[in-house]
């Protein structure tokens, strides 16, 4: 569903949007704004995934004796894999 709304932009932002539409990067200014919002949503989702994985790793480490710690590359590989998997969707 498409909802019509009114947005206000600075001259600089309006000029940029108009240039991108003129260059054919986006079909319309609305399409450019929608693309920016999608990128923001994806970034937020990736941050949530990374923070959740980080919190899980911290909880696990709190239960681990120091002699059994693993290096950071191994410890955070699951978080990196989760972010990469979300990017492929």
PDB file of N, CA and C in Angstrom:
ATOM      1  N   UNK A   1       0.837  -1.160   0.000  1.00  0.00           N
ATOM      2  CA  UNK A   1       0.000   0.000   0.000  1.00  0.00           C
ATOM      3  C   UNK A   1       0.896   1.242   0.000  1.00  0.00           C
ATOM      4  N   UNK A   2       0.511   2.228  -0.742  1.00  0.00           N
ATOM      5  CA  UNK A   2       1.230   3.493  -0.803  1.00  0.00           C
ATOM      6  C   UNK A   2       0.423   4.556  -0.068  1.00  0.00           C
ATOM      7  N   UNK A   3       1.103   5.308   0.783  1.00  0.00           N
ATOM      8  CA  UNK A   3       0.458   6.388   1.532  1.00  0.00           C
ATOM      9  C   UNK A   3       1.069   7.699   1.095  1.00  0.00           C
ATOM     10  N   UNK A   4       0.237   8.624   0.732  1.00  0.00           N
ATOM     11  CA  UNK A   4       0.703   9.934   0.294  1.00  0.00           C
ATOM     12  C   UNK A   4       0.953  10.799   1.523  1.00  0.00           C
ATOM     13  N   UNK A   5       2.096  11.475   1.529  1.00  0.00           N
ATOM     14  CA  UNK A   5       2.452  12.341   2.640  1.00  0.00           C
ATOM     15  C   UNK A   5       3.191  13.563   2.112  1.00  0.00           C
ATOM     16  N   UNK A   6       3.373  14.535   2.952  1.00  0.00           N
ATOM     17  CA  UNK A   6       4.101  15.737   2.573  1.00  0.00           C
ATOM     18  C   UNK A   6       5.377  15.800   3.390  1.00  0.00           C
ATOM     19  N   UNK A   7       6.492  16.032   2.733  1.00  0.00           N
ATOM     20  CA  UNK A   7       7.789  16.150   3.391  1.00  0.00           C
ATOM     21  C   UNK A   7       8.403  17.492   3.031  1.00  0.00           C
ATOM     22  N   UNK A   8       9.183  18.026   3.931  1.00  0.00           N
ATOM     23  CA  UNK A   8       9.902  19.274   3.667  1.00  0.00           C
ATOM     24  C   UNK A   8      11.395  18.981   3.681  1.00  0.00           C
ATOM     25  N   UNK A   9      12.124  19.591   2.755  1.00  0.00           N
ATOM     26  CA  UNK A   9      13.563  19.386   2.648  1.00  0.00           C
ATOM     27  C   UNK A   9      14.284  20.727   2.629  1.00  0.00           C
ATOM     28  N   UNK A  10      15.520  20.701   3.046  1.00  0.00           N
ATOM     29  CA  UNK A  10      16.352  21.891   2.877  1.00  0.00           C
ATOM     30  C   UNK A  10      16.636  22.044   1.391  1.00  0.00           C
ATOM     31  N   UNK A  11      17.074  23.227   0.995  1.00  0.00           N
ATOM     32  CA  UNK A  11      17.440  23.436  -0.410  1.00  0.00           C
ATOM     33  C   UNK A  11      18.493  22.425  -0.845  1.00  0.00           C
ATOM     34  N   UNK A  12      19.460  22.189   0.017  1.00  0.00           N
ATOM     35  CA  UNK A  12      20.548  21.249  -0.297  1.00  0.00           C
ATOM     36  C   UNK A  12      20.012  19.844  -0.548  1.00  0.00           C
ATOM     37  N   UNK A  13      19.115  19.374   0.319  1.00  0.00           N
ATOM     38  CA  UNK A  13      18.550  18.033   0.160  1.00  0.00           C
ATOM     39  C   UNK A  13      17.671  17.950  -1.084  1.00  0.00           C
ATOM     40  N   UNK A  14      16.890  18.985  -1.320  1.00  0.00           N
ATOM     41  CA  UNK A  14      16.017  18.992  -2.500  1.00  0.00           C
ATOM     42  C   UNK A  14      16.846  18.967  -3.783  1.00  0.00           C
ATOM     43  N   UNK A  15      17.911  19.768  -3.804  1.00  0.00           N
ATOM     44  CA  UNK A  15      18.796  19.798  -4.973  1.00  0.00           C
ATOM     45  C   UNK A  15      19.420  18.415  -5.212  1.00  0.00           C
ATOM     46  N   UNK A  16      19.877  17.766  -4.150  1.00  0.00           N
ATOM     47  CA  UNK A  16      20.481  16.443  -4.264  1.00  0.00           C
ATOM     48  C   UNK A  16      19.476  15.428  -4.819  1.00  0.00           C
ATOM     49  N   UNK A  17      18.272  15.426  -4.245  1.00  0.00           N
ATOM     50  CA  UNK A  17      17.241  14.512  -4.739  1.00  0.00           C
ATOM     51  C   UNK A  17      16.934  14.769  -6.215  1.00  0.00           C
ATOM     52  N   UNK A  18      16.796  16.011  -6.569  1.00  0.00           N
ATOM     53  CA  UNK A  18      16.495  16.357  -7.967  1.00  0.00           C
ATOM     54  C   UNK A  18      17.609  15.912  -8.897  1.00  0.00           C
ATOM     55  N   UNK A  19      18.851  16.084  -8.464  1.00  0.00           N
ATOM     56  CA  UNK A  19      19.987  15.642  -9.282  1.00  0.00           C
ATOM     57  C   UNK A  19      19.968  14.135  -9.482  1.00  0.00           C
ATOM     58  N   UNK A  20      19.702  13.387  -8.424  1.00  0.00           N
ATOM     59  CA  UNK A  20      19.683  11.919  -8.525  1.00  0.00           C
ATOM     60  C   UNK A  20      18.566  11.443  -9.444  1.00  0.00           C
ATOM     61  N   UNK A  21      17.423  12.097  -9.370  1.00  0.00           N
ATOM     62  CA  UNK A  21      16.328  11.746 -10.282  1.00  0.00           C
ATOM     63  C   UNK A  21      16.721  12.119 -11.706  1.00  0.00           C
ATOM     64  N   UNK A  22      17.313  13.284 -11.883  1.00  0.00           N
ATOM     65  CA  UNK A  22      17.751  13.725 -13.212  1.00  0.00           C
ATOM     66  C   UNK A  22      18.806  12.814 -13.812  1.00  0.00           C
ATOM     67  N   UNK A  23      19.670  12.244 -12.971  1.00  0.00           N
ATOM     68  CA  UNK A  23      20.715  11.321 -13.441  1.00  0.00           C
ATOM     69  C   UNK A  23      20.162   9.928 -13.703  1.00  0.00           C
ATOM     70  N   UNK A  24      18.919   9.686 -13.322  1.00  0.00           N
ATOM     71  CA  UNK A  24      18.312   8.373 -13.532  1.00  0.00           C
ATOM     72  C   UNK A  24      18.637   7.374 -12.442  1.00  0.00           C
ATOM     73  N   UNK A  25      19.247   7.829 -11.349  1.00  0.00           N
ATOM     74  CA  UNK A  25      19.558   6.929 -10.237  1.00  0.00           C
ATOM     75  C   UNK A  25      18.263   6.441  -9.601  1.00  0.00           C
ATOM     76  N   UNK A  26      17.284   7.346  -9.495  1.00  0.00           N
ATOM     77  CA  UNK A  26      15.968   7.010  -8.965  1.00  0.00           C
ATOM     78  C   UNK A  26      14.923   7.519  -9.935  1.00  0.00           C
ATOM     79  N   UNK A  27      13.795   6.827  -9.996  1.00  0.00           N
ATOM     80  CA  UNK A  27      12.723   7.233 -10.907  1.00  0.00           C
ATOM     81  C   UNK A  27      12.041   8.510 -10.424  1.00  0.00           C
ATOM     82  N   UNK A  28      11.917   8.634  -9.108  1.00  0.00           N
ATOM     83  CA  UNK A  28      11.256   9.799  -8.523  1.00  0.00           C
ATOM     84  C   UNK A  28      11.943  10.171  -7.214  1.00  0.00           C
ATOM     85  N   UNK A  29      11.615  11.344  -6.707  1.00  0.00           N
ATOM     86  CA  UNK A  29      12.134  11.733  -5.403  1.00  0.00           C
ATOM     87  C   UNK A  29      11.580  10.821  -4.312  1.00  0.00           C
ATOM     88  N   UNK A  30      10.353  10.388  -4.483  1.00  0.00           N
ATOM     89  CA  UNK A  30       9.759   9.459  -3.518  1.00  0.00           C
ATOM     90  C   UNK A  30      10.537   8.150  -3.471  1.00  0.00           C
ATOM     91  N   UNK A  31      10.963   7.671  -4.635  1.00  0.00           N
ATOM     92  CA  UNK A  31      11.740   6.436  -4.685  1.00  0.00           C
ATOM     93  C   UNK A  31      13.082   6.603  -3.969  1.00  0.00           C
ATOM     94  N   UNK A  32      13.684   7.774  -4.096  1.00  0.00           N
ATOM     95  CA  UNK A  32      14.953   8.040  -3.416  1.00  0.00           C
ATOM     96  C   UNK A  32      14.767   8.056  -1.909  1.00  0.00           C
ATOM     97  N   UNK A  33      13.719   8.696  -1.445  1.00  0.00           N
ATOM     98  CA  UNK A  33      13.443   8.752  -0.007  1.00  0.00           C
ATOM     99  C   UNK A  33      13.130   7.350   0.511  1.00  0.00           C
ATOM    100  N   UNK A  34      12.354   6.591  -0.228  1.00  0.00           N
ATOM    101  CA  UNK A  34      12.031   5.219   0.181  1.00  0.00           C
ATOM    102  C   UNK A  34      13.304   4.375   0.283  1.00  0.00           C
ATOM    103  N   UNK A  35      14.225   4.551  -0.647  1.00  0.00           N
ATOM    104  CA  UNK A  35      15.488   3.813  -0.619  1.00  0.00           C
ATOM    105  C   UNK A  35      16.297   4.177   0.622  1.00  0.00           C
ATOM    106  N   UNK A  36      16.334   5.451   0.952  1.00  0.00           N
ATOM    107  CA  UNK A  36      17.068   5.898   2.149  1.00  0.00           C
ATOM    108  C   UNK A  36      16.451   5.302   3.412  1.00  0.00           C
ATOM    109  N   UNK A  37      15.131   5.267   3.463  1.00  0.00           N
ATOM    110  CA  UNK A  37      14.453   4.699   4.626  1.00  0.00           C
ATOM    111  C   UNK A  37      14.732   3.204   4.730  1.00  0.00           C
ATOM    112  N   UNK A  38      14.719   2.507   3.598  1.00  0.00           N
ATOM    113  CA  UNK A  38      15.039   1.072   3.603  1.00  0.00           C
ATOM    114  C   UNK A  38      16.450   0.833   4.137  1.00  0.00           C
ATOM    115  N   UNK A  39      17.404   1.669   3.723  1.00  0.00           N
ATOM    116  CA  UNK A  39      18.777   1.539   4.222  1.00  0.00           C
ATOM    117  C   UNK A  39      18.836   1.774   5.728  1.00  0.00           C
ATOM    118  N   UNK A  40      18.093   2.759   6.200  1.00  0.00           N
ATOM    119  CA  UNK A  40      18.044   3.017   7.645  1.00  0.00           C
ATOM    120  C   UNK A  40      17.456   1.823   8.389  1.00  0.00           C
ATOM    121  N   UNK A  41      16.402   1.240   7.840  1.00  0.00           N
ATOM    122  CA  UNK A  41      15.763   0.084   8.476  1.00  0.00           C
ATOM    123  C   UNK A  41      16.713  -1.109   8.510  1.00  0.00           C
ATOM    124  N   UNK A  42      17.433  -1.336   7.412  1.00  0.00           N
ATOM    125  CA  UNK A  42      18.387  -2.443   7.369  1.00  0.00           C
ATOM    126  C   UNK A  42      19.518  -2.213   8.372  1.00  0.00           C
ATOM    127  N   UNK A  43      20.014  -0.985   8.447  1.00  0.00           N
ATOM    128  CA  UNK A  43      21.070  -0.672   9.400  1.00  0.00           C
ATOM    129  C   UNK A  43      20.622  -0.910  10.835  1.00  0.00           C
ATOM    130  N   UNK A  44      19.394  -0.518  11.133  1.00  0.00           N
ATOM    131  CA  UNK A  44      18.853  -0.727  12.477  1.00  0.00           C
ATOM    132  C   UNK A  44      18.719  -2.210  12.787  1.00  0.00           C
ATOM    133  N   UNK A  45      18.245  -2.980  11.825  1.00  0.00           N
ATOM    134  CA  UNK A  45      18.105  -4.422  12.015  1.00  0.00           C
ATOM    135  C   UNK A  45      19.474  -5.074  12.238  1.00  0.00           C
ATOM    136  N   UNK A  46      20.472  -4.661  11.463  1.00  0.00           N
ATOM    137  CA  UNK A  46      21.809  -5.216  11.623  1.00  0.00           C
ATOM    138  C   UNK A  46      22.389  -4.869  12.995  1.00  0.00           C
ATOM    139  N   UNK A  47      22.165  -3.643  13.453  1.00  0.00           N
ATOM    140  CA  UNK A  47      22.641  -3.259  14.794  1.00  0.00           C
ATOM    141  C   UNK A  47      21.978  -4.100  15.868  1.00  0.00           C
ATOM    142  N   UNK A  48      20.668  -4.326  15.740  1.00  0.00           N
ATOM    143  CA  UNK A  48      19.944  -5.142  16.724  1.00  0.00           C
ATOM    144  C   UNK A  48      20.482  -6.566  16.750  1.00  0.00           C
ATOM    145  N   UNK A  49      20.745  -7.128  15.586  1.00  0.00           N
ATOM    146  CA  UNK A  49      21.292  -8.485  15.504  1.00  0.00           C
ATOM    147  C   UNK A  49      22.670  -8.536  16.156  1.00  0.00           C
ATOM    148  N   UNK A  50      23.508  -7.558  15.818  1.00  0.00           N
ATOM    149  CA  UNK A  50      24.864  -7.531  16.366  1.00  0.00           C
ATOM    150  C   UNK A  50      24.841  -7.346  17.879  1.00  0.00           C
ATOM    151  N   UNK A  51      24.013  -6.448  18.379  1.00  0.00           N
ATOM    152  CA  UNK A  51      23.937  -6.226  19.819  1.00  0.00           C
ATOM    153  C   UNK A  51      23.405  -7.446  20.552  1.00  0.00           C
ATOM    154  N   UNK A  52      22.440  -8.124  19.964  1.00  0.00           N
ATOM    155  CA  UNK A  52      21.903  -9.337  20.569  1.00  0.00           C
ATOM    156  C   UNK A  52      22.971 -10.423  20.637  1.00  0.00           C
ATOM    157  N   UNK A  53      23.708 -10.577  19.559  1.00  0.00           N
ATOM    158  CA  UNK A  53      24.776 -11.585  19.542  1.00  0.00           C
ATOM    159  C   UNK A  53      25.877 -11.216  20.532  1.00  0.00           C
ATOM    160  N   UNK A  54      26.194  -9.934  20.617  1.00  0.00           N
ATOM    161  CA  UNK A  54      27.213  -9.475  21.553  1.00  0.00           C
ATOM    162  C   UNK A  54      26.767  -9.725  22.993  1.00  0.00           C
ATOM    163  N   UNK A  55      25.515  -9.418  23.301  1.00  0.00           N
ATOM    164  CA  UNK A  55      24.996  -9.654  24.647  1.00  0.00           C
ATOM    165  C   UNK A  55      25.036 -11.136  24.995  1.00  0.00           C
ATOM    166  N   UNK A  56      24.688 -11.990  24.035  1.00  0.00           N
ATOM    167  CA  UNK A  56      24.733 -13.436  24.269  1.00  0.00           C
ATOM    168  C   UNK A  56      26.163 -13.889  24.541  1.00  0.00           C
ATOM    169  N   UNK A  57      27.097 -13.337  23.784  1.00  0.00           N
ATOM    170  CA  UNK A  57      28.504 -13.704  23.989  1.00  0.00           C
ATOM    171  C   UNK A  57      29.000 -13.242  25.349  1.00  0.00           C
ATOM    172  N   UNK A  58      28.623 -12.063  25.759  1.00  0.00           N
ATOM    173  CA  UNK A  58      29.035 -11.554  27.074  1.00  0.00           C
ATOM    174  C   UNK A  58      28.458 -12.432  28.184  1.00  0.00           C
ATOM    175  N   UNK A  59      27.168 -12.793  28.059  1.00  0.00           N
ATOM    176  CA  UNK A  59      26.571 -13.682  29.067  1.00  0.00           C
ATOM    177  C   UNK A  59      27.306 -15.017  29.129  1.00  0.00           C
ATOM    178  N   UNK A  60      27.643 -15.549  27.966  1.00  0.00           N
ATOM    179  CA  UNK A  60      28.365 -16.834  27.931  1.00  0.00           C
ATOM    180  C   UNK A  60      29.743 -16.700  28.564  1.00  0.00           C
ATOM    181  N   UNK A  61      30.419 -15.607  28.274  1.00  0.00           N
ATOM    182  CA  UNK A  61      31.761 -15.409  28.842  1.00  0.00           C
ATOM    183  C   UNK A  61      31.714 -15.238  30.354  1.00  0.00           C
ATOM    184  N   UNK A  62      30.652 -14.669  30.851  1.00  0.00           N
ATOM    185  CA  UNK A  62      30.535 -14.496  32.301  1.00  0.00           C
ATOM    186  C   UNK A  62      30.439 -15.845  33.013  1.00  0.00           C
ATOM    187  N   UNK A  63      30.007 -16.871  32.303  1.00  0.00           N
ATOM    188  CA  UNK A  63      29.884 -18.218  32.867  1.00  0.00           C
ATOM    189  C   UNK A  63      31.131 -19.063  32.617  1.00  0.00           C
ATOM    190  N   UNK A  64      32.104 -18.505  31.910  1.00  0.00           N
ATOM    191  CA  UNK A  64      33.303 -19.243  31.519  1.00  0.00           C
ATOM    192  C   UNK A  64      34.479 -18.840  32.407  1.00  0.00           C
ATOM    193  N   UNK A  65      35.227 -19.848  32.849  1.00  0.00           N
ATOM    194  CA  UNK A  65      36.433 -19.535  33.626  1.00  0.00           C
ATOM    195  C   UNK A  65      37.472 -18.950  32.677  1.00  0.00           C
ATOM    196  N   UNK A  66      38.276 -18.023  33.176  1.00  0.00           N
ATOM    197  CA  UNK A  66      39.232 -17.286  32.356  1.00  0.00           C
ATOM    198  C   UNK A  66      40.154 -18.210  31.555  1.00  0.00           C
ATOM    199  N   UNK A  67      40.542 -19.327  32.090  1.00  0.00           N
ATOM    200  CA  UNK A  67      41.458 -20.234  31.390  1.00  0.00           C
ATOM    201  C   UNK A  67      40.843 -20.842  30.132  1.00  0.00           C
ATOM    202  N   UNK A  68      39.534 -20.775  30.022  1.00  0.00           N
ATOM    203  CA  UNK A  68      38.842 -21.352  28.858  1.00  0.00           C
ATOM    204  C   UNK A  68      38.402 -20.289  27.844  1.00  0.00           C
ATOM    205  N   UNK A  69      38.801 -19.036  28.039  1.00  0.00           N
ATOM    206  CA  UNK A  69      38.437 -17.979  27.099  1.00  0.00           C
ATOM    207  C   UNK A  69      38.992 -18.295  25.713  1.00  0.00           C
ATOM    208  N   UNK A  70      38.276 -17.834  24.694  1.00  0.00           N
ATOM    209  CA  UNK A  70      38.733 -17.949  23.310  1.00  0.00           C
ATOM    210  C   UNK A  70      39.081 -16.549  22.815  1.00  0.00           C
ATOM    211  N   UNK A  71      39.804 -16.469  21.700  1.00  0.00           N
ATOM    212  CA  UNK A  71      40.173 -15.148  21.190  1.00  0.00           C
ATOM    213  C   UNK A  71      38.954 -14.458  20.580  1.00  0.00           C
ATOM    214  N   UNK A  72      39.067 -13.144  20.405  1.00  0.00           N
ATOM    215  CA  UNK A  72      37.911 -12.354  19.954  1.00  0.00           C
ATOM    216  C   UNK A  72      37.440 -12.735  18.553  1.00  0.00           C
ATOM    217  N   UNK A  73      38.340 -13.112  17.665  1.00  0.00           N
ATOM    218  CA  UNK A  73      37.935 -13.494  16.307  1.00  0.00           C
ATOM    219  C   UNK A  73      36.995 -14.690  16.352  1.00  0.00           C
ATOM    220  N   UNK A  74      37.308 -15.639  17.170  1.00  0.00           N
ATOM    221  CA  UNK A  74      36.458 -16.824  17.309  1.00  0.00           C
ATOM    222  C   UNK A  74      35.171 -16.467  18.053  1.00  0.00           C
ATOM    223  N   UNK A  75      35.302 -15.664  19.093  1.00  0.00           N
ATOM    224  CA  UNK A  75      34.144 -15.324  19.920  1.00  0.00           C
ATOM    225  C   UNK A  75      33.077 -14.569  19.152  1.00  0.00           C
ATOM    226  N   UNK A  76      33.485 -13.653  18.276  1.00  0.00           N
ATOM    227  CA  UNK A  76      32.510 -12.806  17.591  1.00  0.00           C
ATOM    228  C   UNK A  76      32.207 -13.271  16.166  1.00  0.00           C
ATOM    229  N   UNK A  77      32.693 -14.438  15.814  1.00  0.00           N
ATOM    230  CA  UNK A  77      32.415 -14.945  14.472  1.00  0.00           C
ATOM    231  C   UNK A  77      30.920 -15.190  14.275  1.00  0.00           C
ATOM    232  N   UNK A  78      30.227 -15.620  15.316  1.00  0.00           N
ATOM    233  CA  UNK A  78      28.780 -15.846  15.196  1.00  0.00           C
ATOM    234  C   UNK A  78      28.045 -14.535  14.939  1.00  0.00           C
ATOM    235  N   UNK A  79      28.455 -13.466  15.615  1.00  0.00           N
ATOM    236  CA  UNK A  79      27.821 -12.159  15.406  1.00  0.00           C
ATOM    237  C   UNK A  79      28.070 -11.678  13.984  1.00  0.00           C
ATOM    238  N   UNK A  80      29.298 -11.816  13.522  1.00  0.00           N
ATOM    239  CA  UNK A  80      29.616 -11.394  12.153  1.00  0.00           C
ATOM    240  C   UNK A  80      28.823 -12.211  11.133  1.00  0.00           C
ATOM    241  N   UNK A  81      28.700 -13.503  11.374  1.00  0.00           N
ATOM    242  CA  UNK A  81      27.945 -14.365  10.460  1.00  0.00           C
ATOM    243  C   UNK A  81      26.469 -13.982  10.440  1.00  0.00           C
ATOM    244  N   UNK A  82      25.906 -13.626  11.599  1.00  0.00           N
ATOM    245  CA  UNK A  82      24.494 -13.233  11.662  1.00  0.00           C
ATOM    246  C   UNK A  82      24.248 -11.948  10.879  1.00  0.00           C
ATOM    247  N   UNK A  83      25.155 -10.990  10.989  1.00  0.00           N
ATOM    248  CA  UNK A  83      25.010  -9.736  10.233  1.00  0.00           C
ATOM    249  C   UNK A  83      25.133 -10.010   8.746  1.00  0.00           C
ATOM    250  N   UNK A  84      26.108 -10.803   8.348  1.00  0.00           N
ATOM    251  CA  UNK A  84      26.284 -11.137   6.926  1.00  0.00           C
ATOM    252  C   UNK A  84      25.059 -11.868   6.374  1.00  0.00           C
ATOM    253  N   UNK A  85      24.505 -12.773   7.153  1.00  0.00           N
ATOM    254  CA  UNK A  85      23.316 -13.508   6.707  1.00  0.00           C
ATOM    255  C   UNK A  85      22.139 -12.553   6.505  1.00  0.00           C
ATOM    256  N   UNK A  86      21.997 -11.564   7.382  1.00  0.00           N
ATOM    257  CA  UNK A  86      20.892 -10.611   7.238  1.00  0.00           C
ATOM    258  C   UNK A  86      21.067  -9.751   6.001  1.00  0.00           C
ATOM    259  N   UNK A  87      22.304  -9.495   5.608  1.00  0.00           N
ATOM    260  CA  UNK A  87      22.555  -8.686   4.401  1.00  0.00           C
ATOM    261  C   UNK A  87      22.210  -9.437   3.126  1.00  0.00           C
ATOM    262  N   UNK A  88      22.259 -10.750   3.169  1.00  0.00           N
ATOM    263  CA  UNK A  88      21.986 -11.556   1.977  1.00  0.00           C
ATOM    264  C   UNK A  88      20.492 -11.745   1.723  1.00  0.00           C
ATOM    265  N   UNK A  89      19.657 -11.337   2.687  1.00  0.00           N
ATOM    266  CA  UNK A  89      18.198 -11.520   2.532  1.00  0.00           C
ATOM    267  C   UNK A  89      17.622 -10.552   1.579  1.00  0.00           C
TER     268      UNK A  89
END
